[in-house]
Amino acid sequence: MKVLAKPEVIDYLEELISILYEKEYFGYEEFAISYVDDLIDNINANLPFKLIKPAPKRFNKYGEDLKYASFKKNKQTIWYVFFEVYKDKEDFIYLIKHIENNHTVAQHLGL
């Protein structure tokens, strides 16, 4: 199993560190870095084992027939990872095409 992300997803996660720090969600930049690193580690380790759902058509702009899984970070925030799954010989590849949290996307998932 491999978990990969499109370059724009990686860029967003790197930018997320600055956003979290500048908007004062974290008092120290190191905490924002740790938060994002922990999110990435959780996705890499657990995506294939999560409850996977088909993404609504609204997300087709990121790819057709996307799936998504959720990753709860704390009481207020759940991250939704949108991805495609490919089979390469004996291995599955999970290609992350988009990521958003419940504060911006929950209404589009019927939650």
PDB file of N, CA and C in Angstrom:
ATOM      1  N   MET A   1       0.835  -1.163   0.000  1.00  0.00           N
ATOM      2  CA  MET A   1       0.000   0.000   0.000  1.00  0.00           C
ATOM      3  C   MET A   1       0.888   1.237   0.000  1.00  0.00           C
ATOM      4  N   LYS A   2       0.513   2.207  -0.831  1.00  0.00           N
ATOM      5  CA  LYS A   2       1.218   3.484  -0.881  1.00  0.00           C
ATOM      6  C   LYS A   2       0.188   4.598  -0.797  1.00  0.00           C
ATOM      7  N   VAL A   3       0.507   5.624  -0.042  1.00  0.00           N
ATOM      8  CA  VAL A   3      -0.334   6.816   0.013  1.00  0.00           C
ATOM      9  C   VAL A   3       0.488   7.953  -0.577  1.00  0.00           C
ATOM     10  N   LEU A   4      -0.018   8.520  -1.657  1.00  0.00           N
ATOM     11  CA  LEU A   4       0.648   9.625  -2.344  1.00  0.00           C
ATOM     12  C   LEU A   4      -0.304  10.818  -2.393  1.00  0.00           C
ATOM     13  N   ALA A   5       0.249  11.995  -2.582  1.00  0.00           N
ATOM     14  CA  ALA A   5      -0.586  13.195  -2.683  1.00  0.00           C
ATOM     15  C   ALA A   5      -0.148  14.014  -3.887  1.00  0.00           C
ATOM     16  N   LYS A   6      -1.113  14.630  -4.536  1.00  0.00           N
ATOM     17  CA  LYS A   6      -0.811  15.534  -5.649  1.00  0.00           C
ATOM     18  C   LYS A   6      -0.015  16.720  -5.106  1.00  0.00           C
ATOM     19  N   PRO A   7       0.796  17.345  -5.931  1.00  0.00           N
ATOM     20  CA  PRO A   7       1.612  18.482  -5.475  1.00  0.00           C
ATOM     21  C   PRO A   7       0.788  19.610  -4.836  1.00  0.00           C
ATOM     22  N   GLU A   8      -0.396  19.864  -5.362  1.00  0.00           N
ATOM     23  CA  GLU A   8      -1.207  20.950  -4.792  1.00  0.00           C
ATOM     24  C   GLU A   8      -1.705  20.621  -3.379  1.00  0.00           C
ATOM     25  N   VAL A   9      -1.876  19.348  -3.085  1.00  0.00           N
ATOM     26  CA  VAL A   9      -2.259  18.939  -1.729  1.00  0.00           C
ATOM     27  C   VAL A   9      -1.074  19.150  -0.785  1.00  0.00           C
ATOM     28  N   ILE A  10       0.100  18.784  -1.225  1.00  0.00           N
ATOM     29  CA  ILE A  10       1.306  18.994  -0.426  1.00  0.00           C
ATOM     30  C   ILE A  10       1.523  20.484  -0.180  1.00  0.00           C
ATOM     31  N   ASP A  11       1.339  21.290  -1.223  1.00  0.00           N
ATOM     32  CA  ASP A  11       1.474  22.742  -1.080  1.00  0.00           C
ATOM     33  C   ASP A  11       0.477  23.282  -0.057  1.00  0.00           C
ATOM     34  N   TYR A  12      -0.757  22.797  -0.119  1.00  0.00           N
ATOM     35  CA  TYR A  12      -1.777  23.257   0.816  1.00  0.00           C
ATOM     36  C   TYR A  12      -1.394  22.901   2.257  1.00  0.00           C
ATOM     37  N   LEU A  13      -0.928  21.700   2.472  1.00  0.00           N
ATOM     38  CA  LEU A  13      -0.555  21.283   3.826  1.00  0.00           C
ATOM     39  C   LEU A  13       0.622  22.100   4.357  1.00  0.00           C
ATOM     40  N   GLU A  14       1.558  22.445   3.483  1.00  0.00           N
ATOM     41  CA  GLU A  14       2.662  23.307   3.897  1.00  0.00           C
ATOM     42  C   GLU A  14       2.155  24.706   4.238  1.00  0.00           C
ATOM     43  N   GLU A  15       1.233  25.208   3.437  1.00  0.00           N
ATOM     44  CA  GLU A  15       0.635  26.526   3.681  1.00  0.00           C
ATOM     45  C   GLU A  15      -0.228  26.517   4.945  1.00  0.00           C
ATOM     46  N   LEU A  16      -0.829  25.382   5.239  1.00  0.00           N
ATOM     47  CA  LEU A  16      -1.679  25.250   6.416  1.00  0.00           C
ATOM     48  C   LEU A  16      -0.919  25.585   7.700  1.00  0.00           C
ATOM     49  N   ILE A  17       0.337  25.268   7.756  1.00  0.00           N
ATOM     50  CA  ILE A  17       1.148  25.586   8.930  1.00  0.00           C
ATOM     51  C   ILE A  17       1.123  27.089   9.184  1.00  0.00           C
ATOM     52  N   SER A  18       1.366  27.866   8.143  1.00  0.00           N
ATOM     53  CA  SER A  18       1.347  29.326   8.277  1.00  0.00           C
ATOM     54  C   SER A  18      -0.035  29.839   8.630  1.00  0.00           C
ATOM     55  N   ILE A  19      -1.056  29.284   8.005  1.00  0.00           N
ATOM     56  CA  ILE A  19      -2.428  29.713   8.277  1.00  0.00           C
ATOM     57  C   ILE A  19      -2.763  29.488   9.751  1.00  0.00           C
ATOM     58  N   LEU A  20      -2.474  28.309  10.249  1.00  0.00           N
ATOM     59  CA  LEU A  20      -2.790  27.987  11.640  1.00  0.00           C
ATOM     60  C   LEU A  20      -2.049  28.895  12.615  1.00  0.00           C
ATOM     61  N   TYR A  21      -0.822  29.206  12.302  1.00  0.00           N
ATOM     62  CA  TYR A  21      -0.040  30.067  13.189  1.00  0.00           C
ATOM     63  C   TYR A  21      -0.481  31.526  13.084  1.00  0.00           C
ATOM     64  N   GLU A  22      -0.628  32.030  11.859  1.00  0.00           N
ATOM     65  CA  GLU A  22      -0.984  33.435  11.655  1.00  0.00           C
ATOM     66  C   GLU A  22      -2.386  33.769  12.162  1.00  0.00           C
ATOM     67  N   LYS A  23      -3.306  32.830  12.068  1.00  0.00           N
ATOM     68  CA  LYS A  23      -4.666  33.057  12.579  1.00  0.00           C
ATOM     69  C   LYS A  23      -4.768  32.736  14.072  1.00  0.00           C
ATOM     70  N   GLU A  24      -3.621  32.451  14.666  1.00  0.00           N
ATOM     71  CA  GLU A  24      -3.489  32.229  16.106  1.00  0.00           C
ATOM     72  C   GLU A  24      -4.276  31.025  16.631  1.00  0.00           C
ATOM     73  N   TYR A  25      -4.390  29.984  15.787  1.00  0.00           N
ATOM     74  CA  TYR A  25      -4.925  28.722  16.291  1.00  0.00           C
ATOM     75  C   TYR A  25      -3.894  28.055  17.202  1.00  0.00           C
ATOM     76  N   PHE A  26      -2.618  28.387  16.942  1.00  0.00           N
ATOM     77  CA  PHE A  26      -1.518  27.897  17.761  1.00  0.00           C
ATOM     78  C   PHE A  26      -0.632  29.077  18.123  1.00  0.00           C
ATOM     79  N   GLY A  27      -0.189  29.123  19.369  1.00  0.00           N
ATOM     80  CA  GLY A  27       0.641  30.225  19.837  1.00  0.00           C
ATOM     81  C   GLY A  27       2.077  30.156  19.354  1.00  0.00           C
ATOM     82  N   TYR A  28       2.509  28.953  19.001  1.00  0.00           N
ATOM     83  CA  TYR A  28       3.876  28.767  18.523  1.00  0.00           C
ATOM     84  C   TYR A  28       3.831  28.038  17.191  1.00  0.00           C
ATOM     85  N   GLU A  29       4.694  28.466  16.286  1.00  0.00           N
ATOM     86  CA  GLU A  29       4.745  27.843  14.965  1.00  0.00           C
ATOM     87  C   GLU A  29       5.075  26.358  15.062  1.00  0.00           C
ATOM     88  N   GLU A  30       5.885  25.982  16.045  1.00  0.00           N
ATOM     89  CA  GLU A  30       6.257  24.581  16.215  1.00  0.00           C
ATOM     90  C   GLU A  30       5.024  23.704  16.469  1.00  0.00           C
ATOM     91  N   PHE A  31       4.021  24.258  17.175  1.00  0.00           N
ATOM     92  CA  PHE A  31       2.788  23.504  17.433  1.00  0.00           C
ATOM     93  C   PHE A  31       1.984  23.332  16.146  1.00  0.00           C
ATOM     94  N   ALA A  32       1.977  24.351  15.305  1.00  0.00           N
ATOM     95  CA  ALA A  32       1.288  24.250  14.015  1.00  0.00           C
ATOM     96  C   ALA A  32       1.976  23.207  13.130  1.00  0.00           C
ATOM     97  N   ILE A  33       3.294  23.198  13.157  1.00  0.00           N
ATOM     98  CA  ILE A  33       4.061  22.202  12.388  1.00  0.00           C
ATOM     99  C   ILE A  33       3.735  20.805  12.895  1.00  0.00           C
ATOM    100  N   SER A  34       3.719  20.638  14.205  1.00  0.00           N
ATOM    101  CA  SER A  34       3.421  19.340  14.804  1.00  0.00           C
ATOM    102  C   SER A  34       2.014  18.873  14.445  1.00  0.00           C
ATOM    103  N   TYR A  35       1.054  19.792  14.454  1.00  0.00           N
ATOM    104  CA  TYR A  35      -0.332  19.470  14.100  1.00  0.00           C
ATOM    105  C   TYR A  35      -0.410  18.922  12.674  1.00  0.00           C
ATOM    106  N   VAL A  36       0.207  19.621  11.738  1.00  0.00           N
ATOM    107  CA  VAL A  36       0.158  19.209  10.329  1.00  0.00           C
ATOM    108  C   VAL A  36       0.945  17.913  10.125  1.00  0.00           C
ATOM    109  N   ASP A  37       2.102  17.799  10.757  1.00  0.00           N
ATOM    110  CA  ASP A  37       2.880  16.560  10.644  1.00  0.00           C
ATOM    111  C   ASP A  37       2.087  15.365  11.173  1.00  0.00           C
ATOM    112  N   ASP A  38       1.411  15.555  12.292  1.00  0.00           N
ATOM    113  CA  ASP A  38       0.595  14.490  12.874  1.00  0.00           C
ATOM    114  C   ASP A  38      -0.560  14.109  11.942  1.00  0.00           C
ATOM    115  N   LEU A  39      -1.177  15.113  11.317  1.00  0.00           N
ATOM    116  CA  LEU A  39      -2.250  14.844  10.359  1.00  0.00           C
ATOM    117  C   LEU A  39      -1.720  14.020   9.186  1.00  0.00           C
ATOM    118  N   ILE A  40      -0.583  14.415   8.650  1.00  0.00           N
ATOM    119  CA  ILE A  40       0.018  13.693   7.522  1.00  0.00           C
ATOM    120  C   ILE A  40       0.365  12.261   7.926  1.00  0.00           C
ATOM    121  N   ASP A  41       0.975  12.098   9.083  1.00  0.00           N
ATOM    122  CA  ASP A  41       1.331  10.755   9.556  1.00  0.00           C
ATOM    123  C   ASP A  41       0.093   9.878   9.728  1.00  0.00           C
ATOM    124  N   ASN A  42      -0.968  10.457  10.278  1.00  0.00           N
ATOM    125  CA  ASN A  42      -2.218   9.723  10.482  1.00  0.00           C
ATOM    126  C   ASN A  42      -2.814   9.289   9.143  1.00  0.00           C
ATOM    127  N   ILE A  43      -2.824  10.184   8.181  1.00  0.00           N
ATOM    128  CA  ILE A  43      -3.346   9.849   6.851  1.00  0.00           C
ATOM    129  C   ILE A  43      -2.507   8.741   6.219  1.00  0.00           C
ATOM    130  N   ASN A  44      -1.197   8.888   6.245  1.00  0.00           N
ATOM    131  CA  ASN A  44      -0.311   7.885   5.632  1.00  0.00           C
ATOM    132  C   ASN A  44      -0.471   6.508   6.264  1.00  0.00           C
ATOM    133  N   ALA A  45      -0.639   6.468   7.568  1.00  0.00           N
ATOM    134  CA  ALA A  45      -0.722   5.188   8.267  1.00  0.00           C
ATOM    135  C   ALA A  45      -2.102   4.556   8.211  1.00  0.00           C
ATOM    136  N   ASN A  46      -3.152   5.371   8.120  1.00  0.00           N
ATOM    137  CA  ASN A  46      -4.502   4.835   8.334  1.00  0.00           C
ATOM    138  C   ASN A  46      -5.485   4.964   7.185  1.00  0.00           C
ATOM    139  N   LEU A  47      -5.157   5.693   6.131  1.00  0.00           N
ATOM    140  CA  LEU A  47      -6.130   5.886   5.049  1.00  0.00           C
ATOM    141  C   LEU A  47      -6.725   4.570   4.536  1.00  0.00           C
ATOM    142  N   PRO A  48      -5.924   3.561   4.261  1.00  0.00           N
ATOM    143  CA  PRO A  48      -6.495   2.322   3.724  1.00  0.00           C
ATOM    144  C   PRO A  48      -7.426   1.584   4.692  1.00  0.00           C
ATOM    145  N   PHE A  49      -7.361   1.928   5.963  1.00  0.00           N
ATOM    146  CA  PHE A  49      -8.144   1.220   6.973  1.00  0.00           C
ATOM    147  C   PHE A  49      -9.373   1.998   7.438  1.00  0.00           C
ATOM    148  N   LYS A  50      -9.573   3.174   6.878  1.00  0.00           N
ATOM    149  CA  LYS A  50     -10.699   4.019   7.256  1.00  0.00           C
ATOM    150  C   LYS A  50     -11.972   3.596   6.532  1.00  0.00           C
ATOM    151  N   LEU A  51     -13.112   4.024   7.083  1.00  0.00           N
ATOM    152  CA  LEU A  51     -14.381   3.876   6.389  1.00  0.00           C
ATOM    153  C   LEU A  51     -14.328   4.802   5.179  1.00  0.00           C
ATOM    154  N   ILE A  52     -14.449   4.229   4.004  1.00  0.00           N
ATOM    155  CA  ILE A  52     -14.327   4.984   2.761  1.00  0.00           C
ATOM    156  C   ILE A  52     -15.711   5.145   2.140  1.00  0.00           C
ATOM    157  N   LYS A  53     -16.017   6.386   1.749  1.00  0.00           N
ATOM    158  CA  LYS A  53     -17.315   6.698   1.155  1.00  0.00           C
ATOM    159  C   LYS A  53     -17.107   7.330  -0.212  1.00  0.00           C
ATOM    160  N   PRO A  54     -18.085   7.191  -1.100  1.00  0.00           N
ATOM    161  CA  PRO A  54     -17.986   7.887  -2.389  1.00  0.00           C
ATOM    162  C   PRO A  54     -18.194   9.387  -2.181  1.00  0.00           C
ATOM    163  N   ALA A  55     -17.368  10.183  -2.821  1.00  0.00           N
ATOM    164  CA  ALA A  55     -17.486  11.642  -2.713  1.00  0.00           C
ATOM    165  C   ALA A  55     -18.663  12.127  -3.557  1.00  0.00           C
ATOM    166  N   PRO A  56     -19.380  13.133  -3.071  1.00  0.00           N
ATOM    167  CA  PRO A  56     -20.460  13.720  -3.870  1.00  0.00           C
ATOM    168  C   PRO A  56     -19.926  14.287  -5.188  1.00  0.00           C
ATOM    169  N   LYS A  57     -20.805  14.386  -6.161  1.00  0.00           N
ATOM    170  CA  LYS A  57     -20.432  14.876  -7.500  1.00  0.00           C
ATOM    171  C   LYS A  57     -19.773  16.257  -7.459  1.00  0.00           C
ATOM    172  N   ARG A  58     -20.106  17.044  -6.444  1.00  0.00           N
ATOM    173  CA  ARG A  58     -19.534  18.386  -6.301  1.00  0.00           C
ATOM    174  C   ARG A  58     -18.002  18.352  -6.331  1.00  0.00           C
ATOM    175  N   PHE A  59     -17.422  17.246  -5.942  1.00  0.00           N
ATOM    176  CA  PHE A  59     -15.971  17.136  -5.853  1.00  0.00           C
ATOM    177  C   PHE A  59     -15.337  16.572  -7.125  1.00  0.00           C
ATOM    178  N   ASN A  60     -16.137  16.391  -8.185  1.00  0.00           N
ATOM    179  CA  ASN A  60     -15.609  15.872  -9.450  1.00  0.00           C
ATOM    180  C   ASN A  60     -14.551  16.788 -10.071  1.00  0.00           C
ATOM    181  N   LYS A  61     -14.535  18.062  -9.649  1.00  0.00           N
ATOM    182  CA  LYS A  61     -13.512  18.962 -10.186  1.00  0.00           C
ATOM    183  C   LYS A  61     -12.105  18.530  -9.767  1.00  0.00           C
ATOM    184  N   TYR A  62     -12.011  17.661  -8.766  1.00  0.00           N
ATOM    185  CA  TYR A  62     -10.716  17.145  -8.324  1.00  0.00           C
ATOM    186  C   TYR A  62     -10.425  15.770  -8.915  1.00  0.00           C
ATOM    187  N   GLY A  63     -11.422  15.177  -9.551  1.00  0.00           N
ATOM    188  CA  GLY A  63     -11.274  13.862 -10.148  1.00  0.00           C
ATOM    189  C   GLY A  63     -12.604  13.135 -10.110  1.00  0.00           C
ATOM    190  N   GLU A  64     -12.852  12.307 -11.088  1.00  0.00           N
ATOM    191  CA  GLU A  64     -14.122  11.580 -11.131  1.00  0.00           C
ATOM    192  C   GLU A  64     -14.061  10.353 -10.246  1.00  0.00           C
ATOM    193  N   ASP A  65     -15.210  10.000  -9.710  1.00  0.00           N
ATOM    194  CA  ASP A  65     -15.341   8.815  -8.865  1.00  0.00           C
ATOM    195  C   ASP A  65     -14.397   8.830  -7.661  1.00  0.00           C
ATOM    196  N   LEU A  66     -14.254  10.002  -7.059  1.00  0.00           N
ATOM    197  CA  LEU A  66     -13.413  10.102  -5.872  1.00  0.00           C
ATOM    198  C   LEU A  66     -14.067   9.419  -4.683  1.00  0.00           C
ATOM    199  N   LYS A  67     -13.243   9.007  -3.778  1.00  0.00           N
ATOM    200  CA  LYS A  67     -13.665   8.485  -2.485  1.00  0.00           C
ATOM    201  C   LYS A  67     -13.206   9.489  -1.440  1.00  0.00           C
ATOM    202  N   TYR A  68     -13.744   9.370  -0.230  1.00  0.00           N
ATOM    203  CA  TYR A  68     -13.217  10.194   0.849  1.00  0.00           C
ATOM    204  C   TYR A  68     -13.267   9.449   2.165  1.00  0.00           C
ATOM    205  N   ALA A  69     -12.411   9.899   3.068  1.00  0.00           N
ATOM    206  CA  ALA A  69     -12.341   9.348   4.424  1.00  0.00           C
ATOM    207  C   ALA A  69     -12.124  10.520   5.370  1.00  0.00           C
ATOM    208  N   SER A  70     -12.531  10.331   6.613  1.00  0.00           N
ATOM    209  CA  SER A  70     -12.410  11.417   7.589  1.00  0.00           C
ATOM    210  C   SER A  70     -11.347  11.098   8.637  1.00  0.00           C
ATOM    211  N   PHE A  71     -10.726  12.163   9.138  1.00  0.00           N
ATOM    212  CA  PHE A  71      -9.689  12.076  10.157  1.00  0.00           C
ATOM    213  C   PHE A  71      -9.977  13.130  11.211  1.00  0.00           C
ATOM    214  N   LYS A  72     -10.407  12.683  12.376  1.00  0.00           N
ATOM    215  CA  LYS A  72     -10.749  13.611  13.455  1.00  0.00           C
ATOM    216  C   LYS A  72      -9.467  14.032  14.173  1.00  0.00           C
ATOM    217  N   LYS A  73      -9.255  15.348  14.257  1.00  0.00           N
ATOM    218  CA  LYS A  73      -8.057  15.879  14.912  1.00  0.00           C
ATOM    219  C   LYS A  73      -8.335  16.314  16.343  1.00  0.00           C
ATOM    220  N   ASN A  74      -9.522  16.849  16.586  1.00  0.00           N
ATOM    221  CA  ASN A  74      -9.893  17.285  17.929  1.00  0.00           C
ATOM    222  C   ASN A  74     -11.411  17.451  17.979  1.00  0.00           C
ATOM    223  N   LYS A  75     -11.929  18.006  19.050  1.00  0.00           N
ATOM    224  CA  LYS A  75     -13.390  18.126  19.203  1.00  0.00           C
ATOM    225  C   LYS A  75     -14.028  18.987  18.125  1.00  0.00           C
ATOM    226  N   GLN A  76     -13.274  19.940  17.599  1.00  0.00           N
ATOM    227  CA  GLN A  76     -13.846  20.877  16.627  1.00  0.00           C
ATOM    228  C   GLN A  76     -13.525  20.563  15.169  1.00  0.00           C
ATOM    229  N   THR A  77     -12.489  19.795  14.919  1.00  0.00           N
ATOM    230  CA  THR A  77     -12.010  19.687  13.539  1.00  0.00           C
ATOM    231  C   THR A  77     -11.877  18.246  13.059  1.00  0.00           C
ATOM    232  N   ILE A  78     -12.496  18.011  11.912  1.00  0.00           N
ATOM    233  CA  ILE A  78     -12.367  16.739  11.189  1.00  0.00           C
ATOM    234  C   ILE A  78     -11.853  17.080   9.798  1.00  0.00           C
ATOM    235  N   TRP A  79     -10.838  16.379   9.362  1.00  0.00           N
ATOM    236  CA  TRP A  79     -10.289  16.563   8.010  1.00  0.00           C
ATOM    237  C   TRP A  79     -10.862  15.494   7.089  1.00  0.00           C
ATOM    238  N   TYR A  80     -11.229  15.906   5.886  1.00  0.00           N
ATOM    239  CA  TYR A  80     -11.753  15.002   4.873  1.00  0.00           C
ATOM    240  C   TYR A  80     -10.737  14.908   3.740  1.00  0.00           C
ATOM    241  N   VAL A  81     -10.333  13.689   3.459  1.00  0.00           N
ATOM    242  CA  VAL A  81      -9.325  13.414   2.442  1.00  0.00           C
ATOM    243  C   VAL A  81     -10.027  12.791   1.243  1.00  0.00           C
ATOM    244  N   PHE A  82      -9.887  13.419   0.088  1.00  0.00           N
ATOM    245  CA  PHE A  82     -10.511  12.965  -1.152  1.00  0.00           C
ATOM    246  C   PHE A  82      -9.434  12.337  -2.030  1.00  0.00           C
ATOM    247  N   PHE A  83      -9.710  11.132  -2.525  1.00  0.00           N
ATOM    248  CA  PHE A  83      -8.647  10.373  -3.182  1.00  0.00           C
ATOM    249  C   PHE A  83      -9.206   9.383  -4.201  1.00  0.00           C
ATOM    250  N   GLU A  84      -8.296   8.861  -5.006  1.00  0.00           N
ATOM    251  CA  GLU A  84      -8.575   7.758  -5.925  1.00  0.00           C
ATOM    252  C   GLU A  84      -7.699   6.582  -5.502  1.00  0.00           C
ATOM    253  N   VAL A  85      -8.179   5.393  -5.803  1.00  0.00           N
ATOM    254  CA  VAL A  85      -7.419   4.185  -5.479  1.00  0.00           C
ATOM    255  C   VAL A  85      -7.074   3.481  -6.788  1.00  0.00           C
ATOM    256  N   TYR A  86      -5.815   3.124  -6.929  1.00  0.00           N
ATOM    257  CA  TYR A  86      -5.336   2.399  -8.093  1.00  0.00           C
ATOM    258  C   TYR A  86      -4.691   1.106  -7.625  1.00  0.00           C
ATOM    259  N   LYS A  87      -4.733   0.100  -8.488  1.00  0.00           N
ATOM    260  CA  LYS A  87      -4.018  -1.138  -8.200  1.00  0.00           C
ATOM    261  C   LYS A  87      -2.835  -1.207  -9.142  1.00  0.00           C
ATOM    262  N   ASP A  88      -1.657  -1.397  -8.566  1.00  0.00           N
ATOM    263  CA  ASP A  88      -0.417  -1.505  -9.320  1.00  0.00           C
ATOM    264  C   ASP A  88       0.213  -2.843  -8.969  1.00  0.00           C
ATOM    265  N   LYS A  89       0.059  -3.802  -9.849  1.00  0.00           N
ATOM    266  CA  LYS A  89       0.516  -5.176  -9.611  1.00  0.00           C
ATOM    267  C   LYS A  89      -0.167  -5.709  -8.356  1.00  0.00           C
ATOM    268  N   GLU A  90       0.584  -5.948  -7.308  1.00  0.00           N
ATOM    269  CA  GLU A  90       0.030  -6.505  -6.067  1.00  0.00           C
ATOM    270  C   GLU A  90      -0.274  -5.426  -5.028  1.00  0.00           C
ATOM    271  N   ASP A  91      -0.037  -4.157  -5.385  1.00  0.00           N
ATOM    272  CA  ASP A  91      -0.111  -3.076  -4.415  1.00  0.00           C
ATOM    273  C   ASP A  91      -1.245  -2.105  -4.746  1.00  0.00           C
ATOM    274  N   PHE A  92      -1.810  -1.503  -3.717  1.00  0.00           N
ATOM    275  CA  PHE A  92      -2.800  -0.454  -3.907  1.00  0.00           C
ATOM    276  C   PHE A  92      -2.144   0.893  -3.681  1.00  0.00           C
ATOM    277  N   ILE A  93      -2.502   1.845  -4.534  1.00  0.00           N
ATOM    278  CA  ILE A  93      -1.991   3.207  -4.419  1.00  0.00           C
ATOM    279  C   ILE A  93      -3.174   4.124  -4.140  1.00  0.00           C
ATOM    280  N   TYR A  94      -3.057   4.895  -3.078  1.00  0.00           N
ATOM    281  CA  TYR A  94      -4.071   5.873  -2.693  1.00  0.00           C
ATOM    282  C   TYR A  94      -3.520   7.244  -3.075  1.00  0.00           C
ATOM    283  N   LEU A  95      -4.140   7.877  -4.072  1.00  0.00           N
ATOM    284  CA  LEU A  95      -3.678   9.182  -4.547  1.00  0.00           C
ATOM    285  C   LEU A  95      -4.612  10.262  -4.014  1.00  0.00           C
ATOM    286  N   ILE A  96      -4.104  11.046  -3.079  1.00  0.00           N
ATOM    287  CA  ILE A  96      -4.894  12.122  -2.477  1.00  0.00           C
ATOM    288  C   ILE A  96      -4.934  13.292  -3.450  1.00  0.00           C
ATOM    289  N   LYS A  97      -6.160  13.727  -3.755  1.00  0.00           N
ATOM    290  CA  LYS A  97      -6.340  14.798  -4.722  1.00  0.00           C
ATOM    291  C   LYS A  97      -6.841  16.088  -4.100  1.00  0.00           C
ATOM    292  N   HIS A  98      -7.360  15.991  -2.871  1.00  0.00           N
ATOM    293  CA  HIS A  98      -7.901  17.190  -2.215  1.00  0.00           C
ATOM    294  C   HIS A  98      -8.063  16.903  -0.734  1.00  0.00           C
ATOM    295  N   ILE A  99      -7.981  17.956   0.074  1.00  0.00           N
ATOM    296  CA  ILE A  99      -8.203  17.828   1.511  1.00  0.00           C
ATOM    297  C   ILE A  99      -8.860  19.108   2.019  1.00  0.00           C
ATOM    298  N   GLU A 100      -9.864  18.943   2.864  1.00  0.00           N
ATOM    299  CA  GLU A 100     -10.555  20.078   3.486  1.00  0.00           C
ATOM    300  C   GLU A 100     -11.026  19.645   4.859  1.00  0.00           C
ATOM    301  N   ASN A 101     -11.393  20.632   5.681  1.00  0.00           N
ATOM    302  CA  ASN A 101     -11.914  20.274   6.996  1.00  0.00           C
ATOM    303  C   ASN A 101     -13.413  20.547   7.102  1.00  0.00           C
ATOM    304  N   ASN A 102     -13.990  20.122   8.208  1.00  0.00           N
ATOM    305  CA  ASN A 102     -15.438  20.239   8.392  1.00  0.00           C
ATOM    306  C   ASN A 102     -15.909  21.687   8.406  1.00  0.00           C
ATOM    307  N   HIS A 103     -15.049  22.623   8.718  1.00  0.00           N
ATOM    308  CA  HIS A 103     -15.441  24.027   8.766  1.00  0.00           C
ATOM    309  C   HIS A 103     -15.737  24.577   7.370  1.00  0.00           C
ATOM    310  N   THR A 104     -15.206  23.942   6.347  1.00  0.00           N
ATOM    311  CA  THR A 104     -15.405  24.447   4.985  1.00  0.00           C
ATOM    312  C   THR A 104     -16.208  23.499   4.088  1.00  0.00           C
ATOM    313  N   VAL A 105     -16.332  22.239   4.455  1.00  0.00           N
ATOM    314  CA  VAL A 105     -16.891  21.279   3.503  1.00  0.00           C
ATOM    315  C   VAL A 105     -18.034  20.414   4.050  1.00  0.00           C
ATOM    316  N   ALA A 106     -18.263  20.401   5.330  1.00  0.00           N
ATOM    317  CA  ALA A 106     -19.245  19.486   5.907  1.00  0.00           C
ATOM    318  C   ALA A 106     -20.632  19.616   5.281  1.00  0.00           C
ATOM    319  N   GLN A 107     -21.023  20.841   4.981  1.00  0.00           N
ATOM    320  CA  GLN A 107     -22.353  21.047   4.403  1.00  0.00           C
ATOM    321  C   GLN A 107     -22.505  20.377   3.034  1.00  0.00           C
ATOM    322  N   HIS A 108     -21.398  20.162   2.343  1.00  0.00           N
ATOM    323  CA  HIS A 108     -21.432  19.536   1.022  1.00  0.00           C
ATOM    324  C   HIS A 108     -21.389  18.014   1.096  1.00  0.00           C
ATOM    325  N   LEU A 109     -21.124  17.497   2.281  1.00  0.00           N
ATOM    326  CA  LEU A 109     -21.077  16.044   2.467  1.00  0.00           C
ATOM    327  C   LEU A 109     -22.344  15.527   3.122  1.00  0.00           C
ATOM    328  N   GLY A 110     -23.303  16.416   3.378  1.00  0.00           N
ATOM    329  CA  GLY A 110     -24.550  16.010   4.002  1.00  0.00           C
ATOM    330  C   GLY A 110     -24.388  15.658   5.460  1.00  0.00           C
ATOM    331  N   LEU A 111     -23.437  16.292   6.123  1.00  0.00           N
ATOM    332  CA  LEU A 111     -23.170  15.995   7.534  1.00  0.00           C
ATOM    333  C   LEU A 111     -23.879  16.966   8.442  1.00  0.00           C
TER     334      LEU A 111
END
